[in-house]
N, C-alpha and C. Protein backbone atom coordinates (compact mmCIF):
# COMPACT_ATOMS: atom_id res chain seq x y z
N MET A 1 115.81 107.84 114.08
CA MET A 1 114.27 107.19 113.26
C MET A 1 113.84 106.44 114.42
N PRO A 2 112.22 106.46 115.08
CA PRO A 2 111.03 105.83 115.39
C PRO A 2 110.79 104.81 114.53
N ARG A 3 110.56 103.85 115.12
CA ARG A 3 110.03 102.67 114.53
C ARG A 3 109.00 102.18 114.77
N PRO A 4 108.14 101.22 113.83
CA PRO A 4 107.14 100.90 115.00
C PRO A 4 107.38 99.53 115.96
N SER A 5 106.79 99.70 116.82
CA SER A 5 106.69 98.78 118.06
C SER A 5 106.68 97.56 117.84
N SER A 6 108.05 96.61 118.58
CA SER A 6 108.90 95.66 118.47
C SER A 6 107.81 94.89 118.60
N LYS A 7 106.58 94.82 119.11
CA LYS A 7 105.88 93.79 119.97
C LYS A 7 104.64 93.40 119.13
N LEU A 8 104.17 94.69 117.94
CA LEU A 8 103.23 94.84 117.82
C LEU A 8 103.16 95.32 116.00
N LEU A 9 102.54 93.84 115.32
CA LEU A 9 102.81 93.70 113.60
C LEU A 9 101.15 93.81 113.18
N VAL A 10 101.11 94.48 112.35
CA VAL A 10 99.79 94.57 111.43
C VAL A 10 99.99 93.42 110.49
N LEU A 11 99.25 92.36 110.36
CA LEU A 11 98.90 91.67 109.20
C LEU A 11 98.01 92.25 108.12
N GLU A 12 98.05 91.33 106.90
CA GLU A 12 97.36 92.08 105.52
C GLU A 12 96.24 91.17 105.98
N TRP A 13 95.99 90.20 106.47
CA TRP A 13 94.85 88.94 106.80
C TRP A 13 94.04 89.76 107.70
N SER A 14 94.37 91.29 109.16
CA SER A 14 93.31 91.19 110.19
C SER A 14 93.34 92.56 109.69
N THR A 15 92.35 92.94 111.02
CA THR A 15 91.68 94.23 110.38
C THR A 15 92.10 95.10 111.42
N ALA A 16 92.70 94.64 112.32
CA ALA A 16 93.61 95.27 113.53
C ALA A 16 94.93 94.94 113.90
N PRO A 17 95.85 96.16 114.50
CA PRO A 17 97.33 95.48 114.86
C PRO A 17 96.73 94.40 115.89
N ILE A 18 97.92 93.41 115.75
CA ILE A 18 98.32 92.36 116.45
C ILE A 18 99.40 92.26 116.91
N SER A 19 99.26 92.38 119.17
CA SER A 19 100.84 92.09 119.84
C SER A 19 101.14 90.67 119.14
N LEU A 20 102.82 91.39 119.12
CA LEU A 20 103.46 89.72 119.13
C LEU A 20 102.91 88.90 119.62
N PRO A 21 102.89 88.93 121.19
CA PRO A 21 102.49 87.53 121.31
C PRO A 21 101.63 86.76 121.53
N SER A 22 100.61 87.12 120.83
CA SER A 22 99.04 86.95 120.41
C SER A 22 99.22 85.84 119.05
N LEU A 23 100.18 86.86 118.19
CA LEU A 23 99.99 86.23 117.05
C LEU A 23 100.39 84.64 116.54
N PRO A 24 101.22 84.36 117.46
CA PRO A 24 101.36 82.44 117.08
C PRO A 24 100.01 81.91 117.31
N ALA A 25 99.05 82.43 117.98
CA ALA A 25 97.67 82.10 118.18
C ALA A 25 96.69 82.62 117.24
N THR A 26 96.82 82.99 117.02
CA THR A 26 96.68 83.65 115.41
C THR A 26 96.45 83.08 114.19
N ILE A 27 97.87 82.84 113.92
CA ILE A 27 98.14 82.65 112.61
C ILE A 27 97.21 80.93 112.59
N TRP A 28 97.50 80.16 114.00
CA TRP A 28 97.47 78.90 113.94
C TRP A 28 95.58 78.66 114.20
N PHE A 29 95.36 79.85 114.67
CA PHE A 29 93.51 80.27 114.48
C PHE A 29 93.03 80.25 113.16
N CYS A 30 93.64 81.04 112.90
CA CYS A 30 93.23 81.80 111.43
C CYS A 30 93.73 81.20 109.88
N THR A 31 94.91 80.39 110.08
CA THR A 31 95.36 79.57 109.32
C THR A 31 95.56 77.84 109.42
N LYS A 32 95.57 77.07 110.10
CA LYS A 32 95.79 75.75 110.66
C LYS A 32 97.35 75.80 110.98
N GLY A 33 97.93 76.62 111.02
CA GLY A 33 99.38 76.73 111.16
C GLY A 33 100.20 76.43 113.09
N GLN A 34 101.32 76.75 112.89
CA GLN A 34 102.22 75.92 113.73
C GLN A 34 101.91 77.76 115.11
N THR A 35 102.42 77.04 116.36
CA THR A 35 102.39 78.11 117.48
C THR A 35 104.16 78.21 117.41
N TRP A 36 104.52 79.51 117.96
CA TRP A 36 105.99 79.16 118.52
C TRP A 36 105.64 80.38 119.80
N LYS A 37 106.32 80.45 120.48
CA LYS A 37 107.13 81.27 121.77
C LYS A 37 107.74 82.28 121.31
N VAL A 38 107.70 83.35 121.82
CA VAL A 38 108.16 84.54 121.98
C VAL A 38 108.85 85.12 123.26
N PRO A 39 110.28 85.59 122.51
CA PRO A 39 110.05 86.81 124.16
C PRO A 39 109.21 87.77 124.49
N THR A 40 109.12 88.45 125.57
CA THR A 40 108.08 89.22 126.04
C THR A 40 108.67 90.46 126.69
N GLY A 41 108.24 91.21 126.92
CA GLY A 41 108.98 92.56 128.14
C GLY A 41 109.66 93.61 127.26
N CYS A 42 109.56 93.68 125.68
CA CYS A 42 110.67 94.70 125.05
C CYS A 42 109.46 95.97 125.41
N ARG A 43 110.08 97.30 125.09
CA ARG A 43 109.41 98.52 125.08
C ARG A 43 108.64 98.84 123.86
N ASP A 44 107.61 99.67 123.59
CA ASP A 44 107.19 99.37 122.52
C ASP A 44 107.05 101.37 122.37
N GLY A 45 107.41 101.68 121.04
CA GLY A 45 107.62 103.30 120.42
C GLY A 45 106.35 103.76 120.41
N ARG A 46 106.24 104.87 120.53
CA ARG A 46 105.30 106.08 120.75
C ARG A 46 104.54 106.21 119.53
N ILE A 47 105.58 106.23 118.25
CA ILE A 47 105.04 106.64 117.16
C ILE A 47 105.75 105.66 116.01
N SER A 48 104.41 105.46 114.56
CA SER A 48 104.54 104.62 114.21
C SER A 48 103.99 105.43 112.53
N SER A 49 104.52 104.86 111.47
CA SER A 49 104.37 105.77 110.72
C SER A 49 104.58 105.17 109.44
N ALA A 50 104.04 105.68 108.26
CA ALA A 50 103.45 104.53 106.96
C ALA A 50 105.14 105.34 106.45
N SER A 51 105.60 106.06 107.15
CA SER A 51 106.68 106.03 106.23
C SER A 51 108.00 105.50 106.48
N ASP A 52 107.93 105.31 107.47
CA ASP A 52 109.12 104.22 108.09
C ASP A 52 109.24 103.09 107.23
N ALA A 53 107.95 102.84 106.74
CA ALA A 53 108.03 101.38 105.69
C ALA A 53 109.08 101.30 104.46
N GLY A 54 109.21 102.75 104.48
CA GLY A 54 109.75 103.00 103.19
C GLY A 54 110.86 101.59 102.69
N ASN A 55 111.36 101.53 103.30
CA ASN A 55 112.92 100.65 102.94
C ASN A 55 112.57 99.20 103.03
N LEU A 56 111.04 98.58 103.22
CA LEU A 56 110.70 97.57 102.40
C LEU A 56 111.13 96.60 101.19
N PRO A 57 111.40 95.72 101.17
CA PRO A 57 111.88 94.83 100.14
C PRO A 57 110.27 95.45 99.46
N GLY A 58 110.55 95.53 97.64
CA GLY A 58 109.66 95.92 96.89
C GLY A 58 109.62 94.52 96.03
N PRO A 59 108.57 94.30 95.13
CA PRO A 59 108.07 93.35 94.53
C PRO A 59 108.93 92.62 93.48
N ARG A 60 109.49 93.71 92.93
CA ARG A 60 110.67 93.94 91.69
C ARG A 60 112.38 93.61 91.68
N ASP A 61 112.44 93.70 93.49
CA ASP A 61 113.28 93.48 93.64
C ASP A 61 114.34 91.93 93.15
N SER A 62 115.42 91.72 93.11
CA SER A 62 116.50 90.77 92.38
C SER A 62 117.09 90.28 94.33
N VAL A 63 117.36 89.13 93.62
CA VAL A 63 117.54 88.49 95.14
C VAL A 63 118.86 89.07 95.92
N GLU A 64 119.77 89.74 95.03
CA GLU A 64 120.76 90.34 95.34
C GLU A 64 119.79 91.30 96.69
N VAL A 65 119.37 92.19 96.36
CA VAL A 65 118.70 93.46 96.78
C VAL A 65 117.83 93.13 98.20
N GLN A 66 117.25 91.93 98.05
CA GLN A 66 116.30 91.43 98.70
C GLN A 66 117.29 90.55 100.41
N LYS A 67 119.19 90.14 99.78
CA LYS A 67 119.47 89.32 100.74
C LYS A 67 119.86 91.14 101.73
N GLN A 68 120.63 92.09 100.99
CA GLN A 68 120.99 93.10 101.29
C GLN A 68 119.60 93.36 102.13
N ASN A 69 118.60 93.67 102.20
CA ASN A 69 117.61 94.23 102.78
C ASN A 69 117.71 93.52 104.17
N PHE A 70 117.84 92.35 103.80
CA PHE A 70 118.15 91.60 105.46
C PHE A 70 119.03 91.39 106.03
N THR A 71 120.33 91.61 105.15
CA THR A 71 121.42 91.74 105.94
C THR A 71 121.62 93.08 106.74
N ASN A 72 120.78 94.42 105.84
CA ASN A 72 120.43 95.39 106.78
C ASN A 72 120.19 95.19 108.24
N LYS A 73 119.24 94.51 108.68
CA LYS A 73 118.40 94.27 109.44
C LYS A 73 119.08 92.95 110.57
N GLY A 74 120.28 92.29 110.18
CA GLY A 74 120.98 91.72 111.21
C GLY A 74 120.22 89.67 110.76
N LEU A 75 119.71 90.20 109.58
CA LEU A 75 118.56 88.72 109.33
C LEU A 75 119.30 88.05 108.09
N ASN A 76 119.34 86.72 108.32
CA ASN A 76 120.11 86.04 106.59
C ASN A 76 119.16 84.81 106.49
N ASP A 77 117.75 84.76 106.60
CA ASP A 77 116.90 83.89 106.73
C ASP A 77 116.08 84.54 105.53
N LEU A 78 116.42 84.83 104.63
CA LEU A 78 114.95 85.56 103.38
C LEU A 78 114.16 84.67 103.21
N VAL A 79 114.64 83.34 102.61
CA VAL A 79 113.90 82.50 101.56
C VAL A 79 112.32 82.21 103.35
N THR A 80 113.33 81.96 104.21
CA THR A 80 112.11 81.40 105.31
C THR A 80 111.15 82.78 105.67
N LEU A 81 111.52 83.95 105.34
CA LEU A 81 110.75 84.66 106.01
C LEU A 81 110.03 85.40 104.89
N VAL A 82 110.50 85.16 103.41
CA VAL A 82 109.32 85.54 102.77
C VAL A 82 108.48 84.23 102.55
N GLY A 83 108.50 82.84 102.70
CA GLY A 83 107.61 81.73 103.03
C GLY A 83 106.16 82.51 103.55
N GLY A 84 106.38 83.81 104.38
CA GLY A 84 104.91 84.14 105.10
C GLY A 84 104.41 84.81 104.20
N HIS A 85 104.77 84.32 102.65
CA HIS A 85 103.78 85.08 101.55
C HIS A 85 102.71 83.28 102.06
N SER A 86 102.88 82.85 102.71
CA SER A 86 101.89 81.58 102.25
C SER A 86 100.18 81.58 102.68
N ILE A 87 100.37 82.51 103.77
CA ILE A 87 99.27 83.89 103.70
C ILE A 87 99.45 85.57 103.50
N GLY A 88 98.14 86.08 102.44
CA GLY A 88 98.07 87.28 102.79
C GLY A 88 98.01 87.76 100.95
N THR A 89 97.93 88.52 100.87
CA THR A 89 97.22 89.01 99.24
C THR A 89 98.01 90.07 98.43
N SER A 90 98.21 90.44 97.29
CA SER A 90 98.88 91.85 96.86
C SER A 90 97.83 91.82 95.83
N ALA A 91 97.67 93.20 95.83
CA ALA A 91 97.04 94.33 94.78
C ALA A 91 97.70 93.69 93.15
N CYS A 92 96.81 93.39 92.13
CA CYS A 92 97.35 93.48 91.17
C CYS A 92 98.55 94.81 90.38
N GLN A 93 98.22 95.66 90.93
CA GLN A 93 99.24 96.89 90.43
C GLN A 93 100.69 96.25 90.96
N ALA A 94 101.21 95.59 91.54
CA ALA A 94 102.08 94.91 92.52
C ALA A 94 102.77 93.75 90.90
N PHE A 95 102.10 93.55 90.48
CA PHE A 95 102.66 92.30 89.41
C PHE A 95 102.17 92.34 88.13
N ARG A 96 100.82 93.19 87.84
CA ARG A 96 100.51 92.95 86.26
C ARG A 96 101.23 93.24 85.76
N TYR A 97 102.17 93.96 85.52
CA TYR A 97 103.66 94.25 84.31
C TYR A 97 104.09 92.82 83.91
N ARG A 98 104.19 91.86 84.74
CA ARG A 98 104.59 90.12 84.20
C ARG A 98 103.51 89.74 83.60
N LEU A 99 102.07 90.23 82.86
CA LEU A 99 101.30 89.40 82.30
C LEU A 99 101.40 90.09 81.21
N TYR A 100 102.04 91.11 81.06
CA TYR A 100 101.36 91.67 79.28
C TYR A 100 102.41 92.37 79.34
N ASN A 101 102.86 92.61 77.57
CA ASN A 101 104.05 92.96 77.60
C ASN A 101 105.31 92.97 78.25
N PHE A 102 105.78 91.94 79.21
CA PHE A 102 107.01 91.86 79.41
C PHE A 102 108.36 91.30 78.65
N SER A 103 108.06 90.38 77.61
CA SER A 103 108.72 89.93 77.33
C SER A 103 108.23 89.55 76.00
N THR A 104 109.27 89.56 74.70
CA THR A 104 109.03 89.12 73.42
C THR A 104 109.79 87.73 73.05
N THR A 105 110.15 87.03 74.11
CA THR A 105 110.73 85.58 74.02
C THR A 105 109.34 84.14 74.17
N THR A 106 108.31 85.10 74.60
CA THR A 106 107.00 84.06 75.33
C THR A 106 106.17 84.46 74.28
N ALA A 107 105.48 83.07 74.25
CA ALA A 107 104.26 83.41 73.03
C ALA A 107 103.06 84.26 73.68
N ASN A 108 102.68 84.36 75.15
CA ASN A 108 102.07 85.15 75.84
C ASN A 108 102.51 86.75 76.10
N ASP A 109 104.30 87.17 75.61
CA ASP A 109 104.21 88.22 76.08
C ASP A 109 104.39 88.52 77.72
N ALA A 110 104.47 87.41 78.19
CA ALA A 110 104.47 87.57 79.80
C ALA A 110 105.77 87.03 80.24
N ASP A 111 105.80 87.05 81.75
CA ASP A 111 107.59 86.74 82.25
C ASP A 111 107.61 85.28 81.80
N PRO A 112 108.96 85.04 81.74
CA PRO A 112 109.13 83.64 80.87
C PRO A 112 109.24 82.87 82.03
N SER A 113 109.38 83.68 83.45
CA SER A 113 109.58 82.58 84.72
C SER A 113 108.41 82.46 85.06
N MET A 114 107.30 82.41 84.65
CA MET A 114 106.01 82.41 85.33
C MET A 114 105.16 81.20 84.04
N ASP A 115 104.42 80.24 84.53
CA ASP A 115 103.80 79.51 83.84
C ASP A 115 102.56 79.44 83.71
N ALA A 116 103.01 79.30 81.98
CA ALA A 116 101.52 79.84 81.12
C ALA A 116 99.90 79.60 81.24
N ALA A 117 99.87 78.40 82.00
CA ALA A 117 98.45 78.10 82.55
C ALA A 117 98.12 79.43 83.72
N PHE A 118 99.32 79.50 84.32
CA PHE A 118 98.90 80.43 85.50
C PHE A 118 99.00 81.92 85.13
N VAL A 119 99.46 82.52 83.92
CA VAL A 119 99.36 83.42 83.18
C VAL A 119 97.73 83.68 82.86
N THR A 120 97.43 83.13 82.63
CA THR A 120 95.99 83.11 82.23
C THR A 120 95.34 83.05 83.34
N GLN A 121 95.28 82.04 84.25
CA GLN A 121 94.46 82.48 85.83
C GLN A 121 94.33 83.93 86.28
N LEU A 122 95.70 84.48 85.77
CA LEU A 122 96.11 86.06 86.84
C LEU A 122 95.26 86.83 85.80
N GLN A 123 95.34 86.45 84.94
CA GLN A 123 94.89 87.45 83.90
C GLN A 123 93.61 87.79 83.83
N SER A 124 92.59 87.17 84.29
CA SER A 124 91.43 87.04 84.15
C SER A 124 91.12 87.85 85.53
N PRO A 125 91.36 87.51 87.21
CA PRO A 125 91.28 89.03 87.68
C PRO A 125 91.90 90.47 87.57
N CYS A 126 93.09 90.63 86.58
CA CYS A 126 93.85 91.72 86.66
C CYS A 126 93.78 91.69 85.15
N PRO A 127 93.20 92.31 84.61
CA PRO A 127 92.90 92.26 83.18
C PRO A 127 94.34 93.86 83.03
N SER A 128 94.33 93.97 81.68
CA SER A 128 95.43 94.79 81.56
C SER A 128 94.89 96.30 81.67
N ASN A 129 93.57 96.73 81.35
CA ASN A 129 93.16 98.69 82.22
C ASN A 129 92.14 97.48 83.43
N GLY A 130 92.49 96.86 83.89
CA GLY A 130 91.39 96.76 85.00
C GLY A 130 91.58 97.29 86.30
N ASP A 131 91.07 97.20 87.36
CA ASP A 131 91.32 97.63 88.76
C ASP A 131 92.62 97.28 89.22
N VAL A 132 93.41 98.16 89.46
CA VAL A 132 95.13 97.56 90.26
C VAL A 132 94.76 97.35 91.08
N SER A 133 93.56 97.92 91.88
CA SER A 133 93.52 97.70 93.46
C SER A 133 93.39 95.82 93.73
N ARG A 134 92.73 95.47 92.77
CA ARG A 134 91.94 94.09 92.97
C ARG A 134 93.13 93.11 93.90
N ARG A 135 92.70 92.52 95.12
CA ARG A 135 93.63 92.05 95.37
C ARG A 135 93.43 90.24 95.35
N ILE A 136 95.03 89.36 95.09
CA ILE A 136 95.40 88.49 94.67
C ILE A 136 96.04 87.47 95.85
N GLU A 137 95.77 86.30 96.26
CA GLU A 137 96.26 85.97 96.90
C GLU A 137 97.91 85.57 96.89
N LEU A 138 98.69 85.61 97.72
CA LEU A 138 99.70 85.13 97.19
C LEU A 138 100.27 83.84 97.18
N ASP A 139 99.46 83.28 97.87
CA ASP A 139 99.47 81.53 97.72
C ASP A 139 98.25 81.14 97.24
N THR A 140 98.03 80.96 95.78
CA THR A 140 96.86 80.28 95.15
C THR A 140 96.86 78.93 95.19
N GLY A 141 98.06 78.18 95.98
CA GLY A 141 97.15 76.23 96.17
C GLY A 141 96.81 76.69 97.66
N SER A 142 97.28 77.01 98.57
CA SER A 142 96.50 76.75 99.43
C SER A 142 96.25 78.38 100.64
N PRO A 143 95.51 79.44 100.13
CA PRO A 143 95.79 80.32 100.77
C PRO A 143 95.27 80.74 102.11
N ASN A 144 94.47 79.67 102.76
CA ASN A 144 93.88 80.12 104.08
C ASN A 144 94.48 78.96 105.31
N THR A 145 95.69 78.30 104.26
CA THR A 145 96.74 77.40 105.53
C THR A 145 98.20 78.15 105.71
N PHE A 146 98.61 78.12 106.75
CA PHE A 146 99.86 78.68 106.83
C PHE A 146 100.63 77.24 106.48
N ASP A 147 101.38 77.05 105.33
CA ASP A 147 102.08 76.04 104.91
C ASP A 147 103.08 76.61 104.50
N ALA A 148 103.96 74.99 103.78
CA ALA A 148 104.98 74.98 102.83
C ALA A 148 104.44 75.10 101.46
N SER A 149 103.74 75.16 100.88
CA SER A 149 102.79 74.97 99.60
C SER A 149 103.30 76.45 99.04
N PHE A 150 103.73 77.57 99.66
CA PHE A 150 104.16 78.47 98.79
C PHE A 150 105.49 77.98 97.72
N PHE A 151 106.04 77.71 98.40
CA PHE A 151 107.54 76.79 97.82
C PHE A 151 107.23 76.14 96.36
N THR A 152 106.03 75.25 96.72
CA THR A 152 105.93 74.66 95.50
C THR A 152 104.76 75.07 94.70
N ASN A 153 104.35 76.54 95.02
CA ASN A 153 104.19 77.15 93.63
C ASN A 153 105.52 77.92 93.08
N LEU A 154 106.31 78.38 93.72
CA LEU A 154 107.75 78.61 92.97
C LEU A 154 108.30 77.70 92.05
N LYS A 155 108.80 76.78 92.66
CA LYS A 155 109.24 75.34 91.80
C LYS A 155 108.28 75.45 90.52
N ASN A 156 106.88 75.23 90.85
CA ASN A 156 106.08 75.60 89.49
C ASN A 156 105.80 76.60 88.98
N GLY A 157 106.22 77.65 88.67
CA GLY A 157 106.08 78.92 88.00
C GLY A 157 105.13 79.87 88.35
N HIS A 158 104.80 79.55 89.77
CA HIS A 158 103.27 80.18 90.56
C HIS A 158 103.50 81.37 91.41
N GLY A 159 104.74 81.75 91.56
CA GLY A 159 105.21 83.10 91.82
C GLY A 159 104.52 84.23 91.73
N VAL A 160 103.47 84.50 92.59
CA VAL A 160 102.59 86.10 92.29
C VAL A 160 103.99 87.03 92.12
N LEU A 161 104.06 87.45 92.57
CA LEU A 161 105.19 88.57 93.09
C LEU A 161 106.86 88.04 92.02
N GLU A 162 107.53 88.96 91.68
CA GLU A 162 108.62 88.57 90.65
C GLU A 162 109.84 88.67 91.36
N SER A 163 109.30 89.11 92.50
CA SER A 163 110.82 89.20 93.56
C SER A 163 110.86 87.41 94.51
N ASP A 164 109.15 86.97 94.48
CA ASP A 164 109.13 85.86 95.02
C ASP A 164 109.86 84.92 93.93
N GLN A 165 109.51 85.00 93.32
CA GLN A 165 109.53 83.59 92.01
C GLN A 165 111.01 83.66 91.66
N LYS A 166 111.91 84.88 91.76
CA LYS A 166 113.33 84.83 91.77
C LYS A 166 114.08 83.73 92.84
N LEU A 167 113.08 83.62 93.79
CA LEU A 167 113.81 82.58 94.84
C LEU A 167 113.99 81.27 94.30
N TRP A 168 113.51 81.12 93.23
CA TRP A 168 113.62 79.61 93.14
C TRP A 168 113.97 79.95 91.47
N MET A 169 114.69 80.76 90.89
CA MET A 169 115.57 81.03 89.47
C MET A 169 116.94 81.24 89.78
N ASP A 170 117.00 82.00 91.33
CA ASP A 170 118.49 82.41 91.35
C ASP A 170 118.72 80.47 92.36
N ALA A 171 119.89 80.32 92.15
CA ALA A 171 120.81 79.33 92.52
C ALA A 171 121.19 79.37 93.48
N SER A 172 121.44 80.64 94.21
CA SER A 172 121.67 80.51 95.92
C SER A 172 120.71 80.69 96.77
N THR A 173 119.51 81.11 96.57
CA THR A 173 118.17 80.28 97.16
C THR A 173 117.24 79.20 96.86
N ARG A 174 117.61 78.69 95.62
CA ARG A 174 116.73 77.75 95.10
C ARG A 174 116.82 76.94 95.73
N SER A 175 118.43 76.39 96.55
CA SER A 175 118.68 75.14 97.07
C SER A 175 117.36 75.57 98.67
N PHE A 176 117.69 76.68 98.91
CA PHE A 176 116.34 76.69 100.41
C PHE A 176 114.79 76.56 100.02
N VAL A 177 115.06 76.85 98.91
CA VAL A 177 113.65 76.53 98.62
C VAL A 177 113.53 74.96 98.50
N GLN A 178 114.16 74.14 97.80
CA GLN A 178 113.68 72.84 98.05
C GLN A 178 114.72 72.15 98.99
N ARG A 179 115.06 72.56 99.64
CA ARG A 179 115.21 71.85 101.30
C ARG A 179 114.05 71.82 102.44
N PHE A 180 113.02 73.22 101.43
CA PHE A 180 111.57 73.09 102.61
C PHE A 180 110.66 72.38 101.71
N LEU A 181 110.67 72.02 100.66
CA LEU A 181 110.18 70.89 99.94
C LEU A 181 110.41 69.53 99.87
N GLY A 182 111.57 69.14 100.39
CA GLY A 182 112.28 68.13 100.65
C GLY A 182 112.68 67.16 99.62
N VAL A 183 113.55 68.22 99.26
CA VAL A 183 113.79 67.57 97.97
C VAL A 183 115.18 66.10 98.24
N ARG A 184 114.91 65.24 97.63
CA ARG A 184 115.95 63.67 97.87
C ARG A 184 117.22 64.51 97.42
N GLY A 185 118.18 63.84 98.36
CA GLY A 185 119.61 64.31 98.66
C GLY A 185 119.97 65.72 99.04
N LEU A 186 118.96 66.25 100.16
CA LEU A 186 119.67 67.86 100.56
C LEU A 186 118.81 67.78 101.92
N ARG A 187 119.57 68.23 102.71
CA ARG A 187 119.00 68.58 104.05
C ARG A 187 117.37 68.98 104.12
N GLY A 188 116.59 68.45 105.12
CA GLY A 188 115.55 69.02 104.70
C GLY A 188 115.34 69.88 105.82
N LEU A 189 114.16 71.00 105.66
CA LEU A 189 114.13 71.92 106.89
C LEU A 189 111.95 71.81 106.97
N ASN A 190 112.08 72.16 108.18
CA ASN A 190 110.76 72.11 108.77
C ASN A 190 109.89 73.79 108.39
N PHE A 191 109.52 74.43 107.44
CA PHE A 191 109.30 75.44 107.79
C PHE A 191 108.44 76.49 109.24
N ASN A 192 107.75 75.60 109.08
CA ASN A 192 106.89 75.97 110.51
C ASN A 192 107.83 76.74 111.81
N VAL A 193 108.76 75.31 111.68
CA VAL A 193 109.93 75.52 112.82
C VAL A 193 110.91 76.34 112.18
N GLU A 194 111.27 76.75 111.07
CA GLU A 194 112.28 77.87 110.80
C GLU A 194 111.75 79.46 110.58
N PHE A 195 109.80 79.51 110.68
CA PHE A 195 109.64 80.58 110.35
C PHE A 195 109.55 80.58 111.96
N GLY A 196 109.09 80.28 112.41
CA GLY A 196 109.36 80.39 114.15
C GLY A 196 110.45 81.76 114.68
N ARG A 197 111.88 80.63 114.28
CA ARG A 197 112.76 80.99 115.15
C ARG A 197 112.95 82.59 114.40
N SER A 198 112.93 82.63 112.98
CA SER A 198 113.04 84.01 112.71
C SER A 198 112.24 84.98 113.05
N MET A 199 111.01 84.88 113.50
CA MET A 199 109.90 85.59 114.06
C MET A 199 111.01 86.10 115.19
N VAL A 200 110.87 85.15 115.68
CA VAL A 200 111.80 85.51 117.30
C VAL A 200 112.88 86.39 116.77
N LYS A 201 113.94 86.14 115.93
CA LYS A 201 114.86 86.76 115.55
C LYS A 201 114.59 88.35 114.85
N MET A 202 113.54 88.66 114.54
CA MET A 202 112.79 89.51 113.95
C MET A 202 112.03 90.94 115.40
N SER A 203 112.16 90.28 116.08
CA SER A 203 111.21 90.48 117.15
C SER A 203 112.37 91.22 118.02
N ASN A 204 113.92 90.99 117.81
CA ASN A 204 114.91 91.50 118.71
C ASN A 204 115.55 92.66 117.69
N ILE A 205 114.90 93.42 116.63
CA ILE A 205 115.48 94.23 115.75
C ILE A 205 115.23 95.57 116.51
N GLY A 206 116.23 96.18 116.39
CA GLY A 206 115.70 97.32 116.98
C GLY A 206 115.28 97.83 118.69
N VAL A 207 115.53 96.77 119.28
CA VAL A 207 114.99 97.32 120.99
C VAL A 207 114.78 98.30 121.29
N LYS A 208 114.32 98.61 121.96
CA LYS A 208 114.55 99.90 122.81
C LYS A 208 114.65 99.70 124.07
N THR A 209 115.67 100.53 124.62
CA THR A 209 115.70 100.03 125.92
C THR A 209 115.78 101.76 126.93
N GLY A 210 116.55 101.40 128.33
CA GLY A 210 116.67 102.84 128.75
C GLY A 210 114.97 103.34 128.83
N THR A 211 115.04 105.04 128.87
CA THR A 211 113.53 105.99 128.72
C THR A 211 113.35 105.87 126.76
N ASP A 212 113.99 104.92 126.19
CA ASP A 212 113.31 105.06 124.73
C ASP A 212 112.16 104.26 124.65
N GLY A 213 110.84 104.78 124.46
CA GLY A 213 109.86 104.10 124.28
C GLY A 213 109.05 103.98 125.41
N GLU A 214 108.09 103.44 125.74
CA GLU A 214 107.41 102.96 126.99
C GLU A 214 107.02 101.71 127.30
N ILE A 215 106.63 101.10 128.36
CA ILE A 215 105.79 99.74 128.41
C ILE A 215 103.65 100.24 128.38
N ARG A 216 103.43 99.98 127.44
CA ARG A 216 101.76 100.32 126.93
C ARG A 216 101.41 99.43 127.89
N LYS A 217 99.81 100.16 128.35
CA LYS A 217 99.14 99.28 129.40
C LYS A 217 98.24 99.04 128.84
N VAL A 218 98.16 99.09 127.03
CA VAL A 218 97.35 98.17 126.52
C VAL A 218 97.81 98.19 125.25
N CYS A 219 98.57 97.13 124.75
CA CYS A 219 99.42 96.65 123.51
C CYS A 219 98.88 97.77 122.21
N THR A 220 97.68 97.57 122.33
CA THR A 220 97.54 98.40 120.57
C THR A 220 97.51 99.88 120.97
N ALA A 221 97.75 100.28 121.67
CA ALA A 221 97.72 102.10 121.66
C ALA A 221 98.82 102.62 122.43
N ILE A 222 99.42 103.71 122.47
CA ILE A 222 100.20 104.26 123.18
C ILE A 222 99.69 104.81 124.76
N ASN A 223 99.87 104.84 125.38
CA ASN A 223 99.78 105.46 127.08
C ASN A 223 98.83 106.47 126.86
């Protein structure tokens, strides 16, 4: 199966594809985040199709399903990479079901893992009969800054996507969230450092060799 270029990444907050070597500078410039070094010299694919993205994790996935999806790609840093939701947006369609008629055990009928005030906050831009394409920041705490506040959101029940909030609800991933938050008694993790390492690991997925793919003259277009 052809896959998108390992040196090319389309960002939700960008209007055009960005080559991986320029990605660190882009994140720093746009979101006041960190930069990291990435290996270069990979060959690029000749075909990039939306259908190839059909195996991406879904917003309702359990932690076990998310872990398996990452394991299938040789990755074991689920919590770190999901932390990339520190920036970006989601359509109401991906999470509105959590806000209405989700549960009979809560006074507001919403997902009980969500903070009640946060439910009300999201119901305003995403009413039950509203525009499902309306986009909401995934990190409502600091949407324009690449930082660890996303994990604070999860602790407070402010995860927009159900799959994100489950990282706090599941004991196997909660400890990693807590380490990014610097919880006393746990060995702390620096989110910017760990995310950079994980991005380098991702760049090594399905690397093309031999005559597979091509060396592009212009990063954003096939030769």
